[in-house]
């Protein structure tokens, strides 16, 4: 017979797992995200998958905000985050520190996400852009690459928080060999 775990049992199990160094160094960057709920949802996913840090820039909302907490369920208190004033300068700093900076964007040169496997020691920063317009044109030339989620339907995009969850799961599998 199937039986659900209690919240306490789930927490104990989660805390007993070890996050890979690849995931703990992974940075998720939200640039010009309109929705406080999308921002909160990404915080929650980053907590669940063990991402190391979230960068927020442009007009992306920042905690504390009740709307962020509502979807984050308080994850914004456990995931490191910071606001980035100058995205181009930050990208260059990340690269100097050995990071590969990838946009999650549909471009002519995108690699399909399922075809991109990072090296175990590779440090990554993944930028997700606006819900409608994607990553700003002035940021694109500074990226090392773009990754794209393969899709088969008539609609050509996914919600940014759904995209973040898919991408985080992909990298957790890649780094941890699940």
Protein backbone atom coordinates (compact mmCIF):
# COMPACT_ATOMS: atom_id res chain seq x y z
CA UNK A 1 0.00 0.00 0.00
CA UNK A 2 1.26 3.47 -0.85
CA UNK A 3 1.59 5.92 2.00
CA UNK A 4 2.60 9.57 1.88
CA UNK A 5 5.52 10.80 3.91
CA UNK A 6 5.04 13.43 6.57
CA UNK A 7 6.51 16.89 6.12
CA UNK A 8 9.06 16.06 8.81
CA UNK A 9 10.08 12.83 7.03
CA UNK A 10 10.46 14.69 3.73
CA UNK A 11 12.61 17.38 5.35
CA UNK A 12 14.85 14.79 7.05
CA UNK A 13 15.33 12.96 3.76
CA UNK A 14 16.07 16.19 1.86
CA UNK A 15 18.61 17.33 4.44
CA UNK A 16 20.38 13.95 4.35
CA UNK A 17 21.18 14.36 0.64
CA UNK A 18 24.42 15.96 -0.48
CA UNK A 19 24.29 18.64 -3.18
CA UNK A 20 26.96 18.21 -5.86
CA UNK A 21 29.59 20.90 -6.23
CA UNK A 22 28.24 21.59 -9.72
CA UNK A 23 24.81 22.45 -8.36
CA UNK A 24 26.10 24.38 -5.36
CA UNK A 25 28.16 26.61 -7.69
CA UNK A 26 25.29 27.00 -10.20
CA UNK A 27 23.90 30.52 -10.45
CA UNK A 28 20.44 31.28 -11.82
CA UNK A 29 19.98 34.83 -13.04
CA UNK A 30 16.57 36.44 -13.56
CA UNK A 31 16.70 39.57 -15.69
CA UNK A 32 13.64 41.79 -16.25
CA UNK A 33 11.13 39.29 -14.92
CA UNK A 34 7.76 41.00 -14.46
CA UNK A 35 5.96 38.55 -12.21
CA UNK A 36 6.58 38.37 -8.49
CA UNK A 37 5.04 34.90 -8.56
CA UNK A 38 7.50 33.71 -11.22
CA UNK A 39 10.35 35.10 -9.13
CA UNK A 40 9.07 33.31 -6.04
CA UNK A 41 8.63 30.07 -7.94
CA UNK A 42 12.23 30.20 -9.17
CA UNK A 43 13.44 30.71 -5.59
CA UNK A 44 11.50 27.60 -4.57
CA UNK A 45 12.95 25.53 -7.43
CA UNK A 46 16.49 26.73 -6.71
CA UNK A 47 16.05 25.64 -3.08
CA UNK A 48 14.67 22.25 -4.13
CA UNK A 49 17.51 21.49 -6.54
CA UNK A 50 20.35 22.98 -4.47
CA UNK A 51 21.32 25.86 -6.79
CA UNK A 52 23.99 28.01 -5.21
CA UNK A 53 22.72 31.54 -5.83
CA UNK A 54 20.16 33.67 -7.61
CA UNK A 55 20.98 36.96 -9.28
CA UNK A 56 18.17 39.44 -9.86
CA UNK A 57 18.55 42.38 -12.24
CA UNK A 58 16.65 44.96 -14.22
CA UNK A 59 13.09 45.32 -12.99
CA UNK A 60 12.93 41.80 -11.55
CA UNK A 61 11.22 42.11 -8.15
CA UNK A 62 13.33 41.45 -5.07
CA UNK A 63 12.41 40.09 -1.64
CA UNK A 64 10.91 40.84 0.75
CA UNK A 65 7.54 40.90 -0.98
CA UNK A 66 4.44 38.93 0.07
CA UNK A 67 3.83 37.84 -3.53
CA UNK A 68 7.34 36.34 -3.75
CA UNK A 69 6.97 34.60 -0.39
CA UNK A 70 3.59 33.19 -1.44
CA UNK A 71 5.08 31.08 -4.24
CA UNK A 72 8.56 30.67 -2.73
CA UNK A 73 7.06 29.36 0.52
CA UNK A 74 9.92 31.12 2.30
CA UNK A 75 12.71 29.71 0.08
CA UNK A 76 13.97 33.27 -0.44
CA UNK A 77 15.26 33.03 3.14
CA UNK A 78 17.37 29.94 2.36
CA UNK A 79 18.70 30.57 -1.14
CA UNK A 80 21.48 33.12 -1.44
CA UNK A 81 20.53 35.98 -3.71
CA UNK A 82 21.61 39.44 -4.66
CA UNK A 83 20.58 42.27 -6.92
CA UNK A 84 22.94 43.02 -9.84
CA UNK A 85 23.16 46.69 -10.84
CA UNK A 86 25.27 46.30 -13.97
CA UNK A 87 24.60 43.02 -15.85
CA UNK A 88 27.37 43.44 -18.45
CA UNK A 89 29.99 44.14 -15.80
CA UNK A 90 28.74 41.15 -13.75
CA UNK A 91 28.93 38.82 -16.76
CA UNK A 92 32.54 39.84 -17.38
CA UNK A 93 33.35 39.30 -13.69
CA UNK A 94 31.77 35.84 -13.78
CA UNK A 95 33.83 34.91 -16.83
CA UNK A 96 37.02 36.11 -15.10
CA UNK A 97 36.10 33.78 -12.23
CA UNK A 98 35.85 30.79 -14.57
CA UNK A 99 32.10 30.74 -15.16
CA UNK A 100 30.42 29.83 -18.41
CA UNK A 101 27.51 32.25 -18.85
CA UNK A 102 24.62 30.73 -20.78
CA UNK A 103 21.34 32.27 -21.77
CA UNK A 104 18.22 30.15 -21.80
CA UNK A 105 17.01 31.50 -25.11
CA UNK A 106 15.84 30.43 -28.55
CA UNK A 107 18.47 31.75 -30.94
CA UNK A 108 19.92 30.68 -34.28
CA UNK A 109 22.99 29.32 -32.49
CA UNK A 110 21.25 27.71 -29.49
CA UNK A 111 22.23 24.26 -28.34
CA UNK A 112 19.38 22.00 -27.33
CA UNK A 113 19.40 21.57 -23.57
CA UNK A 114 19.30 17.77 -23.79
CA UNK A 115 22.46 17.85 -25.94
CA UNK A 116 24.44 19.99 -23.50
CA UNK A 117 26.21 18.10 -20.73
CA UNK A 118 28.45 20.18 -18.49
CA UNK A 119 31.71 18.87 -17.17
CA UNK A 120 31.46 17.91 -13.48
CA UNK A 121 33.69 20.82 -12.42
CA UNK A 122 32.17 23.37 -14.82
CA UNK A 123 30.90 26.53 -13.17
CA UNK A 124 27.72 27.83 -14.79
CA UNK A 125 25.54 30.90 -14.64
CA UNK A 126 22.21 30.55 -16.45
CA UNK A 127 20.34 33.71 -17.43
CA UNK A 128 16.57 33.69 -17.92
CA UNK A 129 14.95 36.75 -19.44
CA UNK A 130 11.62 38.50 -19.61
CA UNK A 131 8.46 36.42 -19.91
CA UNK A 132 7.56 37.96 -23.29
CA UNK A 133 10.74 39.33 -24.88
CA UNK A 134 13.37 36.94 -23.48
CA UNK A 135 16.94 38.01 -22.85
CA UNK A 136 17.71 41.64 -23.72
CA UNK A 137 19.55 42.23 -27.01
CA UNK A 138 22.36 44.12 -25.24
CA UNK A 139 23.12 41.08 -23.04
CA UNK A 140 23.15 38.42 -25.78
CA UNK A 141 26.59 39.31 -27.29
CA UNK A 142 28.21 38.85 -23.87
CA UNK A 143 26.98 35.28 -23.38
CA UNK A 144 29.14 32.24 -24.02
CA UNK A 145 26.21 30.29 -25.44
CA UNK A 146 22.45 29.91 -25.51
CA UNK A 147 20.59 26.78 -24.48
CA UNK A 148 17.11 25.97 -25.71
CA UNK A 149 14.55 23.50 -24.40
CA UNK A 150 13.37 21.32 -27.29
CA UNK A 151 9.64 21.72 -27.90
CA UNK A 152 7.18 20.03 -30.22
CA UNK A 153 3.89 21.91 -29.83
CA UNK A 154 2.36 24.87 -31.62
CA UNK A 155 3.24 27.29 -28.83
CA UNK A 156 6.88 28.29 -28.90
CA UNK A 157 7.59 29.08 -25.27
CA UNK A 158 7.17 27.98 -21.68
CA UNK A 159 6.52 30.00 -18.54
CA UNK A 160 9.84 31.27 -17.17
CA UNK A 161 9.39 29.50 -13.82
CA UNK A 162 8.59 26.22 -15.61
CA UNK A 163 11.68 26.76 -17.77
CA UNK A 164 13.79 27.28 -14.65
CA UNK A 165 12.50 24.02 -13.16
CA UNK A 166 13.28 22.06 -16.32
CA UNK A 167 16.75 23.57 -16.59
CA UNK A 168 17.54 23.00 -12.91
CA UNK A 169 16.45 19.37 -13.15
CA UNK A 170 18.58 18.87 -16.26
CA UNK A 171 21.68 20.22 -14.52
CA UNK A 172 21.00 18.28 -11.31
CA UNK A 173 20.89 15.09 -13.39
CA UNK A 174 24.01 16.08 -15.32
CA UNK A 175 26.06 16.99 -12.23
CA UNK A 176 24.86 14.16 -10.00
CA UNK A 177 24.61 11.41 -12.58
CA UNK A 178 21.00 10.61 -11.62
